[in-house]
Amino acid sequence: MTDALLIRITCPSKDVAQKIADASVEQRIAACANIEGPVSSTYLWKGVVEQAFEHVLWLKSVKSCWPALEKLVTELHPYDVPAMVALPCTQMLGPFATWLEDNT
């Protein structure tokens, strides 16, 4: 499967991550979600070095669902610029690939 994506989104709280996770799986634009954290983040925002604790949301999805996921995250995420990036999955277990395809 060459269109599988692992999508990483940093969220300001577990509640925000859970809300996006639930909505994306319910809408079948992600087959699975994992939430990690809190993690410590350091970043530059408007010329100032900021630090925060965030939760990392991982979504397992496919390329064709990216536009809908982007729209969902833009609607539900409180950040002006959510950190949402997709990593292509070049290899995966065959039964998992089938499950992913069947659930998105």
N, C-alpha and C. Protein backbone atom coordinates (compact mmCIF):
# COMPACT_ATOMS: atom_id res chain seq x y z
N MET A 1 0.86 -1.18 0.00
CA MET A 1 0.00 0.00 0.00
C MET A 1 0.90 1.23 0.00
N THR A 2 0.82 2.03 -1.04
CA THR A 2 1.67 3.21 -1.14
C THR A 2 0.96 4.48 -0.72
N ASP A 3 -0.33 4.43 -0.45
CA ASP A 3 -1.04 5.65 -0.09
C ASP A 3 -1.32 5.77 1.41
N ALA A 4 -0.76 4.87 2.22
CA ALA A 4 -0.96 4.93 3.67
C ALA A 4 -0.15 6.09 4.25
N LEU A 5 -0.75 6.75 5.25
CA LEU A 5 -0.10 7.87 5.92
C LEU A 5 -0.14 7.67 7.43
N LEU A 6 0.92 8.11 8.09
CA LEU A 6 0.95 8.24 9.53
C LEU A 6 1.01 9.74 9.78
N ILE A 7 -0.03 10.28 10.39
CA ILE A 7 -0.18 11.73 10.54
C ILE A 7 0.06 12.12 11.99
N ARG A 8 0.92 13.09 12.20
CA ARG A 8 1.28 13.57 13.54
C ARG A 8 0.74 14.98 13.74
N ILE A 9 0.01 15.16 14.83
CA ILE A 9 -0.59 16.47 15.14
C ILE A 9 -0.31 16.77 16.61
N THR A 10 0.30 17.91 16.91
CA THR A 10 0.48 18.29 18.30
C THR A 10 -0.75 19.07 18.75
N CYS A 11 -1.19 18.78 19.97
CA CYS A 11 -2.42 19.37 20.53
C CYS A 11 -2.13 19.96 21.90
N PRO A 12 -2.83 21.04 22.28
CA PRO A 12 -2.56 21.69 23.55
C PRO A 12 -3.04 20.90 24.77
N SER A 13 -3.90 19.91 24.55
CA SER A 13 -4.41 19.13 25.68
C SER A 13 -4.85 17.75 25.18
N LYS A 14 -5.00 16.84 26.12
CA LYS A 14 -5.49 15.51 25.77
C LYS A 14 -6.93 15.60 25.27
N ASP A 15 -7.72 16.51 25.84
CA ASP A 15 -9.11 16.66 25.41
C ASP A 15 -9.22 17.06 23.93
N VAL A 16 -8.37 17.98 23.50
CA VAL A 16 -8.39 18.40 22.09
C VAL A 16 -7.97 17.22 21.21
N ALA A 17 -6.91 16.52 21.60
CA ALA A 17 -6.46 15.36 20.83
C ALA A 17 -7.56 14.30 20.75
N GLN A 18 -8.24 14.06 21.86
CA GLN A 18 -9.30 13.04 21.87
C GLN A 18 -10.48 13.44 20.99
N LYS A 19 -10.82 14.73 21.01
CA LYS A 19 -11.93 15.22 20.18
C LYS A 19 -11.63 15.01 18.70
N ILE A 20 -10.40 15.33 18.28
CA ILE A 20 -10.01 15.14 16.88
C ILE A 20 -9.93 13.65 16.56
N ALA A 21 -9.39 12.86 17.48
CA ALA A 21 -9.29 11.41 17.28
C ALA A 21 -10.67 10.80 17.08
N ASP A 22 -11.58 11.10 17.99
CA ASP A 22 -12.93 10.54 17.90
C ASP A 22 -13.62 10.92 16.60
N ALA A 23 -13.55 12.19 16.25
CA ALA A 23 -14.24 12.66 15.03
C ALA A 23 -13.63 12.03 13.78
N SER A 24 -12.31 11.91 13.73
CA SER A 24 -11.68 11.37 12.52
C SER A 24 -12.00 9.88 12.34
N VAL A 25 -12.04 9.13 13.45
CA VAL A 25 -12.38 7.70 13.34
C VAL A 25 -13.87 7.52 13.06
N GLU A 26 -14.72 8.31 13.72
CA GLU A 26 -16.16 8.22 13.47
C GLU A 26 -16.50 8.53 12.02
N GLN A 27 -15.79 9.50 11.43
CA GLN A 27 -16.03 9.88 10.03
C GLN A 27 -15.29 8.96 9.04
N ARG A 28 -14.54 8.02 9.56
CA ARG A 28 -13.78 7.06 8.75
C ARG A 28 -12.76 7.74 7.84
N ILE A 29 -12.21 8.85 8.31
CA ILE A 29 -11.11 9.49 7.58
C ILE A 29 -9.77 9.15 8.24
N ALA A 30 -9.84 8.44 9.35
CA ALA A 30 -8.68 7.78 9.96
C ALA A 30 -9.19 6.44 10.50
N ALA A 31 -8.36 5.43 10.39
CA ALA A 31 -8.77 4.12 10.87
C ALA A 31 -8.44 3.93 12.34
N CYS A 32 -7.47 4.69 12.83
CA CYS A 32 -7.00 4.52 14.19
C CYS A 32 -6.35 5.82 14.66
N ALA A 33 -6.38 6.04 15.96
CA ALA A 33 -5.72 7.20 16.55
C ALA A 33 -5.01 6.77 17.83
N ASN A 34 -3.84 7.35 18.06
CA ASN A 34 -3.10 7.14 19.29
C ASN A 34 -2.74 8.50 19.86
N ILE A 35 -2.82 8.62 21.18
CA ILE A 35 -2.48 9.88 21.85
C ILE A 35 -1.33 9.62 22.80
N GLU A 36 -0.28 10.41 22.68
CA GLU A 36 0.89 10.32 23.55
C GLU A 36 1.07 11.63 24.30
N GLY A 37 1.70 11.54 25.44
CA GLY A 37 2.06 12.77 26.13
C GLY A 37 1.56 12.80 27.55
N PRO A 38 1.83 13.90 28.15
CA PRO A 38 2.32 15.14 27.54
C PRO A 38 3.80 15.06 27.17
N VAL A 39 4.15 15.86 26.18
CA VAL A 39 5.53 16.04 25.75
C VAL A 39 5.88 17.51 25.92
N SER A 40 7.15 17.77 26.12
CA SER A 40 7.62 19.15 26.25
C SER A 40 7.99 19.67 24.86
N SER A 41 7.44 20.83 24.50
CA SER A 41 7.71 21.41 23.19
C SER A 41 8.36 22.78 23.34
N THR A 42 9.33 23.04 22.51
CA THR A 42 9.97 24.35 22.43
C THR A 42 9.87 24.80 20.99
N TYR A 43 9.38 26.01 20.76
CA TYR A 43 9.15 26.47 19.39
C TYR A 43 9.21 27.99 19.33
N LEU A 44 9.40 28.50 18.13
CA LEU A 44 9.43 29.94 17.90
C LEU A 44 8.05 30.38 17.44
N TRP A 45 7.47 31.35 18.14
CA TRP A 45 6.15 31.86 17.76
C TRP A 45 6.18 33.38 17.83
N LYS A 46 5.97 34.02 16.67
CA LYS A 46 5.98 35.47 16.56
C LYS A 46 7.25 36.08 17.14
N GLY A 47 8.38 35.43 16.81
CA GLY A 47 9.68 35.94 17.20
C GLY A 47 10.11 35.64 18.63
N VAL A 48 9.32 34.87 19.37
CA VAL A 48 9.62 34.57 20.77
C VAL A 48 9.73 33.05 20.93
N VAL A 49 10.76 32.62 21.67
CA VAL A 49 10.89 31.21 21.97
C VAL A 49 9.87 30.87 23.07
N GLU A 50 9.00 29.92 22.76
CA GLU A 50 7.94 29.50 23.69
C GLU A 50 8.19 28.06 24.12
N GLN A 51 7.64 27.71 25.27
CA GLN A 51 7.67 26.34 25.75
C GLN A 51 6.29 25.97 26.22
N ALA A 52 5.90 24.74 25.96
CA ALA A 52 4.57 24.28 26.37
C ALA A 52 4.59 22.76 26.51
N PHE A 53 3.63 22.25 27.24
CA PHE A 53 3.39 20.81 27.27
C PHE A 53 2.23 20.55 26.32
N GLU A 54 2.40 19.57 25.45
CA GLU A 54 1.40 19.23 24.45
C GLU A 54 1.19 17.72 24.44
N HIS A 55 0.14 17.30 23.76
CA HIS A 55 -0.10 15.89 23.50
C HIS A 55 0.06 15.66 22.01
N VAL A 56 0.61 14.50 21.66
CA VAL A 56 0.82 14.16 20.25
C VAL A 56 -0.27 13.18 19.83
N LEU A 57 -0.99 13.56 18.80
CA LEU A 57 -2.02 12.71 18.21
C LEU A 57 -1.46 12.10 16.94
N TRP A 58 -1.50 10.79 16.85
CA TRP A 58 -1.10 10.06 15.66
C TRP A 58 -2.35 9.47 15.01
N LEU A 59 -2.54 9.74 13.74
CA LEU A 59 -3.65 9.16 12.99
C LEU A 59 -3.10 8.25 11.91
N LYS A 60 -3.73 7.09 11.73
CA LYS A 60 -3.38 6.18 10.64
C LYS A 60 -4.47 6.33 9.59
N SER A 61 -4.05 6.74 8.38
CA SER A 61 -5.02 7.06 7.35
C SER A 61 -4.43 6.79 5.97
N VAL A 62 -5.09 7.33 4.96
CA VAL A 62 -4.65 7.20 3.56
C VAL A 62 -4.68 8.57 2.89
N LYS A 63 -3.91 8.70 1.82
CA LYS A 63 -3.78 10.00 1.14
C LYS A 63 -5.12 10.61 0.74
N SER A 64 -6.05 9.78 0.27
CA SER A 64 -7.33 10.32 -0.20
C SER A 64 -8.12 10.98 0.93
N CYS A 65 -7.81 10.67 2.17
CA CYS A 65 -8.51 11.27 3.31
C CYS A 65 -7.86 12.56 3.81
N TRP A 66 -6.67 12.89 3.30
CA TRP A 66 -5.96 14.07 3.80
C TRP A 66 -6.80 15.35 3.73
N PRO A 67 -7.46 15.68 2.61
CA PRO A 67 -8.23 16.93 2.58
C PRO A 67 -9.30 16.99 3.67
N ALA A 68 -10.00 15.90 3.91
CA ALA A 68 -11.03 15.89 4.95
C ALA A 68 -10.40 16.00 6.34
N LEU A 69 -9.26 15.36 6.55
CA LEU A 69 -8.57 15.47 7.84
C LEU A 69 -8.08 16.90 8.07
N GLU A 70 -7.53 17.49 7.03
CA GLU A 70 -7.06 18.88 7.13
C GLU A 70 -8.22 19.81 7.51
N LYS A 71 -9.36 19.62 6.90
CA LYS A 71 -10.54 20.44 7.21
C LYS A 71 -10.99 20.21 8.65
N LEU A 72 -11.04 18.96 9.07
CA LEU A 72 -11.46 18.63 10.44
C LEU A 72 -10.53 19.24 11.47
N VAL A 73 -9.23 19.09 11.26
CA VAL A 73 -8.26 19.63 12.22
C VAL A 73 -8.36 21.16 12.26
N THR A 74 -8.50 21.78 11.12
CA THR A 74 -8.64 23.24 11.07
C THR A 74 -9.87 23.70 11.85
N GLU A 75 -10.95 22.93 11.79
CA GLU A 75 -12.18 23.29 12.50
C GLU A 75 -12.10 23.04 14.01
N LEU A 76 -11.45 21.95 14.43
CA LEU A 76 -11.47 21.54 15.83
C LEU A 76 -10.26 21.97 16.65
N HIS A 77 -9.16 22.29 16.00
CA HIS A 77 -7.92 22.61 16.70
C HIS A 77 -7.88 24.09 17.06
N PRO A 78 -7.51 24.43 18.29
CA PRO A 78 -7.52 25.84 18.70
C PRO A 78 -6.32 26.66 18.24
N TYR A 79 -5.24 26.03 17.79
CA TYR A 79 -4.05 26.79 17.36
C TYR A 79 -4.32 27.52 16.06
N ASP A 80 -3.70 28.70 15.90
CA ASP A 80 -3.76 29.42 14.62
C ASP A 80 -3.10 28.59 13.52
N VAL A 81 -2.01 27.91 13.86
CA VAL A 81 -1.27 27.11 12.89
C VAL A 81 -0.98 25.74 13.52
N PRO A 82 -1.91 24.80 13.41
CA PRO A 82 -1.66 23.46 13.98
C PRO A 82 -0.49 22.78 13.28
N ALA A 83 0.34 22.10 14.05
CA ALA A 83 1.44 21.32 13.48
C ALA A 83 0.88 19.97 13.07
N MET A 84 0.57 19.85 11.80
CA MET A 84 -0.02 18.63 11.24
C MET A 84 0.85 18.20 10.06
N VAL A 85 1.52 17.06 10.20
CA VAL A 85 2.39 16.57 9.13
C VAL A 85 2.07 15.10 8.86
N ALA A 86 2.27 14.69 7.63
CA ALA A 86 2.01 13.30 7.24
C ALA A 86 3.31 12.64 6.80
N LEU A 87 3.50 11.44 7.30
CA LEU A 87 4.65 10.63 6.91
C LEU A 87 4.13 9.47 6.05
N PRO A 88 4.70 9.28 4.87
CA PRO A 88 4.26 8.16 4.04
C PRO A 88 4.72 6.84 4.65
N CYS A 89 3.89 5.84 4.56
CA CYS A 89 4.22 4.50 5.06
C CYS A 89 4.70 3.67 3.88
N THR A 90 5.97 3.35 3.88
CA THR A 90 6.52 2.60 2.75
C THR A 90 6.40 1.10 2.93
N GLN A 91 6.25 0.64 4.15
CA GLN A 91 6.10 -0.78 4.42
C GLN A 91 5.12 -0.96 5.56
N MET A 92 4.32 -2.01 5.50
CA MET A 92 3.45 -2.36 6.61
C MET A 92 3.00 -3.81 6.47
N LEU A 93 2.63 -4.37 7.58
CA LEU A 93 2.14 -5.74 7.61
C LEU A 93 0.90 -5.85 6.72
N GLY A 94 0.85 -6.86 5.88
CA GLY A 94 -0.25 -7.03 4.93
C GLY A 94 -1.64 -6.96 5.53
N PRO A 95 -1.92 -7.73 6.60
CA PRO A 95 -3.25 -7.66 7.19
C PRO A 95 -3.58 -6.27 7.76
N PHE A 96 -2.57 -5.57 8.26
CA PHE A 96 -2.81 -4.22 8.76
C PHE A 96 -3.15 -3.29 7.60
N ALA A 97 -2.45 -3.43 6.49
CA ALA A 97 -2.74 -2.60 5.31
C ALA A 97 -4.18 -2.82 4.84
N THR A 98 -4.62 -4.06 4.82
CA THR A 98 -5.99 -4.37 4.43
C THR A 98 -6.98 -3.74 5.40
N TRP A 99 -6.71 -3.87 6.70
CA TRP A 99 -7.57 -3.27 7.73
C TRP A 99 -7.65 -1.76 7.56
N LEU A 100 -6.50 -1.12 7.32
CA LEU A 100 -6.46 0.32 7.14
C LEU A 100 -7.32 0.74 5.95
N GLU A 101 -7.15 0.04 4.86
CA GLU A 101 -7.93 0.34 3.64
C GLU A 101 -9.42 0.13 3.88
N ASP A 102 -9.77 -0.93 4.58
CA ASP A 102 -11.18 -1.24 4.84
C ASP A 102 -11.86 -0.24 5.78
N ASN A 103 -11.08 0.46 6.58
CA ASN A 103 -11.66 1.33 7.62
C ASN A 103 -11.47 2.82 7.37
N THR A 104 -11.07 3.16 6.15
CA THR A 104 -11.01 4.58 5.77
C THR A 104 -11.79 4.78 4.48
